[in-house]
Amino acid sequence: MAAAGSRGKTRVVESIKQPLRRIRAGYRRLTAPLRGLPSALIIGTQKGGTTSLFSYLVEHPDVLPPLSKEIHYFDFHYKNGPNWYRGRFPYTGQLRRGSLSLDASPYYMIHPLAPERAAELLPEVKLIALLRNPIHRALSHYQHEVRGGREPLSFAEALDREAERLCGEEERLRRDPHYYSWNHHRYAYTQRGLYLVQLQRWADNFPRSQLLVLQSEWLFRDPQAATAAVYRFLGLRPHELTRYETFLPGDYDRDMPEQLRKRLADYFKPHNRALFQWLGEEFDWA
């Protein structure tokens, strides 16, 4: 009886919320021409500290937050059009001189169509990429999917089946602008760690001067210094937070069989070497 009452209450609450959501969505679309667009995109990487950096940035007095951190316009919601996107940001009048807003959607970095879509709408936007040791990133990503009930395989099995799961998915994303690939989004554990391929796609669509690449581990170790570097890149005045709360990329079991760790280290080694050469900087990912 209690369960039935709870379900009934939930239905009543939803019957109230749904019309309100529609009203809010309509209001944002109606007011879209009066709203600004982001001056910065945090494009990735997933499990690389994007939540932490976003949280630090929106505490700056000259940064106005969007409706939510991950808007996913250039990947999931592109079919909704630019007015839908504008509706997620502050009014132009609020974006006074020297202030800005931003979008932090880490799937942008690997989605094959996101760079050209972003370049068409936001040719002068600043891009920020956080790169984490790809071995640690892959394990954290895997644990994230396990906790969400989306990954039934062991980590080793998931790595073994990654190529099969992703086969043809990127090509289909390119062919069909409205296609959503669950496997590409959820199971690209090692592919997301091939950073150079992803960064080059963005560099093909934007000047390198508009791209800032930071090592995630620096942000974890010294959030104040790393955030200050981002402020400078964005042209924001210096600002120190009273507290840099750490939004670590998930509380998860970091143990990994040594053989599996070596397998991943050997796999990523040539990709990391090429990345460091392209960046002109080497990260401490030993």
Protein backbone atom coordinates (compact mmCIF):
# COMPACT_ATOMS: atom_id res chain seq x y z
CA MET A 1 0.00 0.00 0.00
CA ALA A 2 2.83 2.38 0.93
CA ALA A 3 4.61 1.66 -2.35
CA ALA A 4 1.44 2.37 -4.33
CA GLY A 5 1.04 5.66 -2.48
CA SER A 6 4.64 6.59 -3.22
CA ARG A 7 4.18 5.86 -6.93
CA GLY A 8 1.03 7.95 -6.97
CA LYS A 9 2.84 10.85 -5.32
CA THR A 10 5.65 10.57 -7.87
CA ARG A 11 3.15 10.73 -10.73
CA VAL A 12 1.54 13.84 -9.26
CA VAL A 13 4.92 15.55 -8.84
CA GLU A 14 5.90 14.65 -12.42
CA SER A 15 2.57 15.93 -13.75
CA ILE A 16 3.47 19.30 -12.21
CA LYS A 17 7.12 19.31 -13.24
CA GLN A 18 6.64 18.45 -16.90
CA PRO A 19 4.58 21.54 -17.81
CA LEU A 20 7.05 23.70 -15.86
CA ARG A 21 9.94 22.22 -17.83
CA ARG A 22 8.15 22.98 -21.08
CA ILE A 23 7.47 26.55 -19.96
CA ARG A 24 11.12 27.07 -18.99
CA ALA A 25 12.35 25.56 -22.26
CA GLY A 26 9.99 27.79 -24.23
CA TYR A 27 11.14 30.84 -22.28
CA ARG A 28 14.80 30.08 -22.99
CA ARG A 29 14.09 29.70 -26.70
CA LEU A 30 12.06 32.90 -26.76
CA THR A 31 14.82 34.88 -25.05
CA ALA A 32 17.69 33.22 -26.98
CA PRO A 33 18.36 36.26 -29.24
CA LEU A 34 19.01 38.30 -26.08
CA ARG A 35 21.57 35.84 -24.73
CA GLY A 36 25.29 35.53 -25.30
CA LEU A 37 27.40 32.59 -26.35
CA PRO A 38 30.34 31.04 -24.49
CA SER A 39 33.81 32.49 -24.81
CA ALA A 40 35.41 29.23 -23.72
CA LEU A 41 34.86 25.51 -24.19
CA ILE A 42 36.35 22.92 -21.88
CA ILE A 43 36.46 20.14 -24.45
CA GLY A 44 37.79 17.30 -22.32
CA THR A 45 39.02 14.88 -21.41
CA GLN A 46 36.45 12.82 -19.53
CA LYS A 47 37.74 11.88 -16.05
CA GLY A 48 40.46 14.48 -16.47
CA GLY A 49 39.35 17.09 -13.95
CA THR A 50 36.85 19.04 -16.06
CA THR A 51 34.37 19.25 -13.17
CA SER A 52 37.05 20.68 -10.89
CA LEU A 53 38.20 23.27 -13.41
CA PHE A 54 34.64 24.28 -14.28
CA SER A 55 33.85 24.72 -10.58
CA TYR A 56 36.93 26.90 -10.02
CA LEU A 57 36.23 29.04 -13.07
CA VAL A 58 32.59 29.80 -12.28
CA GLU A 59 33.68 31.16 -8.90
CA HIS A 60 35.60 33.92 -10.67
CA PRO A 61 33.65 37.19 -10.40
CA ASP A 62 33.82 37.72 -14.17
CA VAL A 63 32.58 34.26 -15.17
CA LEU A 64 28.83 33.67 -15.43
CA PRO A 65 27.85 30.01 -15.36
CA PRO A 66 25.64 28.42 -18.01
CA LEU A 67 22.44 26.59 -17.18
CA SER A 68 24.46 23.43 -16.49
CA LYS A 69 28.07 22.32 -16.79
CA GLU A 70 27.70 19.83 -19.63
CA ILE A 71 25.46 21.28 -22.32
CA HIS A 72 26.47 18.76 -25.01
CA TYR A 73 25.31 20.91 -27.90
CA PHE A 74 28.06 20.10 -30.38
CA ASP A 75 27.65 16.36 -29.82
CA PHE A 76 24.21 15.25 -28.55
CA HIS A 77 21.90 18.24 -29.12
CA TYR A 78 23.18 19.83 -32.31
CA LYS A 79 19.89 19.09 -34.09
CA ASN A 80 18.15 21.49 -31.67
CA GLY A 81 19.79 24.47 -33.33
CA PRO A 82 21.72 27.54 -32.09
CA ASN A 83 18.74 29.14 -30.34
CA TRP A 84 18.50 26.08 -28.10
CA TYR A 85 22.18 26.51 -27.30
CA ARG A 86 21.94 30.25 -26.66
CA GLY A 87 19.11 29.58 -24.27
CA ARG A 88 21.58 27.90 -21.90
CA PHE A 89 23.64 31.06 -21.36
CA PRO A 90 23.29 34.41 -19.56
CA TYR A 91 21.80 37.49 -21.16
CA THR A 92 24.14 39.60 -23.26
CA GLY A 93 23.61 42.50 -20.88
CA GLN A 94 24.95 40.40 -18.01
CA LEU A 95 28.09 39.60 -19.98
CA ARG A 96 29.62 43.01 -19.37
CA ARG A 97 33.02 43.92 -20.75
CA GLY A 98 35.66 41.51 -19.48
CA SER A 99 33.20 38.82 -18.39
CA LEU A 100 32.38 35.56 -20.07
CA SER A 101 30.52 32.28 -19.90
CA LEU A 102 31.66 28.78 -20.80
CA ASP A 103 30.56 25.28 -21.74
CA ALA A 104 32.33 22.21 -20.30
CA SER A 105 31.29 19.06 -22.17
CA PRO A 106 34.16 16.53 -22.19
CA TYR A 107 32.71 14.36 -24.97
CA TYR A 108 33.39 17.26 -27.36
CA MET A 109 37.04 16.27 -27.50
CA ILE A 110 36.49 12.87 -29.09
CA HIS A 111 33.29 13.45 -31.06
CA PRO A 112 34.37 13.59 -34.72
CA LEU A 113 31.95 16.37 -35.73
CA ALA A 114 32.27 18.63 -32.66
CA PRO A 115 35.33 20.64 -33.83
CA GLU A 116 33.86 21.76 -37.16
CA ARG A 117 30.47 22.45 -35.59
CA ALA A 118 32.05 24.59 -32.88
CA ALA A 119 34.22 26.44 -35.40
CA GLU A 120 31.19 27.36 -37.49
CA LEU A 121 29.27 28.91 -34.57
CA LEU A 122 32.15 30.05 -32.34
CA PRO A 123 35.20 30.78 -34.51
CA GLU A 124 36.89 32.88 -31.81
CA VAL A 125 36.14 30.65 -28.81
CA LYS A 126 39.00 29.61 -26.50
CA LEU A 127 39.47 25.86 -26.09
CA ILE A 128 40.77 24.13 -22.96
CA ALA A 129 41.82 20.48 -22.93
CA LEU A 130 42.84 18.64 -19.77
CA LEU A 131 44.91 15.53 -20.45
CA ARG A 132 45.26 12.83 -17.81
CA ASN A 133 47.60 9.84 -17.85
CA PRO A 134 45.64 7.67 -20.29
CA ILE A 135 46.11 4.52 -18.21
CA HIS A 136 44.57 6.13 -15.14
CA ARG A 137 41.93 7.82 -17.26
CA ALA A 138 40.86 4.53 -18.82
CA LEU A 139 40.53 2.77 -15.46
CA SER A 140 38.61 5.69 -13.94
CA HIS A 141 36.31 5.76 -16.98
CA TYR A 142 35.73 2.01 -16.68
CA GLN A 143 34.89 2.30 -12.97
CA HIS A 144 32.51 5.15 -13.76
CA GLU A 145 30.58 2.93 -16.17
CA VAL A 146 30.55 0.05 -13.69
CA ARG A 147 29.15 2.27 -10.93
CA GLY A 148 26.47 3.48 -13.34
CA GLY A 149 25.42 -0.10 -14.10
CA ARG A 150 26.42 0.27 -17.76
CA GLU A 151 29.44 -2.05 -17.85
CA PRO A 152 29.00 -5.78 -17.11
CA LEU A 153 32.52 -6.85 -18.14
CA SER A 154 35.77 -6.95 -16.20
CA PHE A 155 38.29 -4.27 -17.12
CA ALA A 156 40.45 -6.73 -19.04
CA GLU A 157 37.42 -8.08 -20.93
CA ALA A 158 36.23 -4.55 -21.72
CA LEU A 159 39.64 -3.71 -23.17
CA ASP A 160 39.64 -6.91 -25.21
CA ARG A 161 36.24 -6.08 -26.66
CA GLU A 162 36.73 -2.34 -27.17
CA ALA A 163 37.64 -2.60 -30.86
CA GLU A 164 34.61 -4.80 -31.51
CA ARG A 165 32.29 -2.47 -29.62
CA LEU A 166 33.56 0.61 -31.45
CA CYS A 167 33.81 -0.91 -34.91
CA GLY A 168 32.18 1.44 -37.43
CA GLU A 169 30.78 3.78 -34.77
CA GLU A 170 32.89 6.83 -35.61
CA GLU A 171 32.17 6.40 -39.30
CA ARG A 172 28.44 6.27 -38.57
CA LEU A 173 28.69 9.40 -36.42
CA ARG A 174 30.24 11.18 -39.39
CA ARG A 175 27.64 9.91 -41.85
CA ASP A 176 24.58 10.55 -39.72
CA PRO A 177 24.65 13.92 -37.89
CA HIS A 178 21.72 12.85 -35.70
CA TYR A 179 23.19 9.50 -34.65
CA TYR A 180 24.06 8.84 -31.01
CA SER A 181 26.53 6.03 -30.36
CA TRP A 182 26.17 4.49 -26.92
CA ASN A 183 29.32 2.40 -27.44
CA HIS A 184 31.42 5.33 -28.64
CA HIS A 185 30.24 7.43 -25.72
CA ARG A 186 30.56 4.78 -23.02
CA TYR A 187 33.16 2.19 -24.00
CA ALA A 188 36.04 4.08 -25.65
CA TYR A 189 38.38 3.39 -22.73
CA THR A 190 41.64 3.46 -24.67
CA GLN A 191 40.47 5.42 -27.71
CA ARG A 192 39.75 8.45 -25.54
CA GLY A 193 43.38 8.29 -24.44
CA LEU A 194 44.69 8.80 -27.98
CA TYR A 195 44.84 12.51 -27.36
CA LEU A 196 46.90 13.62 -30.33
CA VAL A 197 44.33 12.45 -32.89
CA GLN A 198 41.62 14.35 -31.04
CA LEU A 199 43.64 17.54 -30.56
CA GLN A 200 44.69 17.58 -34.20
CA ARG A 201 41.04 17.59 -35.27
CA TRP A 202 40.48 20.67 -33.14
CA ALA A 203 43.69 22.27 -34.43
CA ASP A 204 42.49 21.67 -37.98
CA ASN A 205 39.51 23.91 -37.23
CA PHE A 206 40.99 26.50 -34.86
CA PRO A 207 44.29 28.39 -34.58
CA ARG A 208 46.66 26.75 -32.08
CA SER A 209 46.69 30.07 -30.20
CA GLN A 210 43.06 29.39 -29.19
CA LEU A 211 43.89 26.00 -27.65
CA LEU A 212 45.27 25.54 -24.15
CA VAL A 213 46.39 22.04 -23.18
CA LEU A 214 46.99 21.33 -19.49
CA GLN A 215 48.13 18.20 -17.70
CA SER A 216 45.32 17.02 -15.41
CA GLU A 217 47.78 15.91 -12.73
CA TRP A 218 49.00 19.51 -12.42
CA LEU A 219 45.44 20.63 -11.75
CA PHE A 220 45.08 17.89 -9.10
CA ARG A 221 48.41 18.78 -7.44
CA ASP A 222 48.24 22.57 -7.60
CA PRO A 223 44.74 23.76 -8.51
CA GLN A 224 45.53 27.39 -7.71
CA ALA A 225 48.45 27.61 -10.15
CA ALA A 226 46.73 25.63 -12.88
CA THR A 227 43.57 27.70 -12.61
CA ALA A 228 45.63 30.91 -12.69
CA ALA A 229 47.11 29.72 -16.00
CA VAL A 230 43.59 29.30 -17.36
CA TYR A 231 42.64 32.79 -16.15
CA ARG A 232 45.58 34.23 -18.09
CA PHE A 233 44.65 32.28 -21.21
CA LEU A 234 41.07 33.57 -21.02
CA GLY A 235 42.12 37.14 -20.32
CA LEU A 236 40.57 37.15 -16.85
CA ARG A 237 41.98 39.24 -14.03
CA PRO A 238 43.82 37.35 -11.26
CA HIS A 239 41.59 35.84 -8.60
CA GLU A 240 42.21 33.46 -5.73
CA LEU A 241 39.55 31.24 -4.25
CA THR A 242 39.27 30.85 -0.51
CA ARG A 243 39.10 27.08 -1.04
CA TYR A 244 39.90 24.82 -3.96
CA GLU A 245 37.59 21.92 -3.38
CA THR A 246 38.92 18.83 -5.12
CA PHE A 247 36.49 17.06 -7.41
CA LEU A 248 38.69 14.05 -8.02
CA PRO A 249 37.74 11.85 -10.99
CA GLY A 250 35.84 9.29 -8.96
CA ASP A 251 36.61 7.30 -5.84
CA TYR A 252 37.53 3.96 -7.37
CA ASP A 253 39.81 0.98 -6.96
CA ARG A 254 43.11 1.92 -8.59
CA ASP A 255 44.62 -1.56 -8.30
CA MET A 256 45.38 -3.20 -11.62
CA PRO A 257 47.24 -6.43 -12.40
CA GLU A 258 50.81 -5.55 -13.34
CA GLN A 259 50.53 -7.43 -16.62
CA LEU A 260 47.49 -5.39 -17.61
CA ARG A 261 49.17 -2.15 -16.60
CA LYS A 262 52.20 -3.05 -18.72
CA ARG A 263 49.93 -3.88 -21.64
CA LEU A 264 48.37 -0.41 -21.46
CA ALA A 265 51.72 1.31 -20.92
CA ASP A 266 53.15 -0.38 -24.01
CA TYR A 267 50.05 0.53 -26.03
CA PHE A 268 50.04 4.21 -25.09
CA LYS A 269 53.82 4.76 -25.17
CA PRO A 270 54.19 5.63 -28.89
CA HIS A 271 50.98 7.71 -28.83
CA ASN A 272 52.20 9.67 -25.82
CA ARG A 273 55.58 10.22 -27.42
CA ALA A 274 53.95 11.66 -30.54
CA LEU A 275 51.68 13.83 -28.38
CA PHE A 276 54.59 15.30 -26.42
CA GLN A 277 56.44 16.04 -29.65
CA TRP A 278 53.39 17.85 -31.02
CA LEU A 279 52.92 19.83 -27.81
CA GLY A 280 56.60 20.58 -27.33
CA GLU A 281 56.16 19.52 -23.71
CA GLU A 282 56.46 16.24 -21.86
CA PHE A 283 54.12 15.19 -19.07
CA ASP A 284 55.21 13.06 -16.10
CA TRP A 285 53.14 10.01 -16.99
CA ALA A 286 55.80 7.42 -16.22
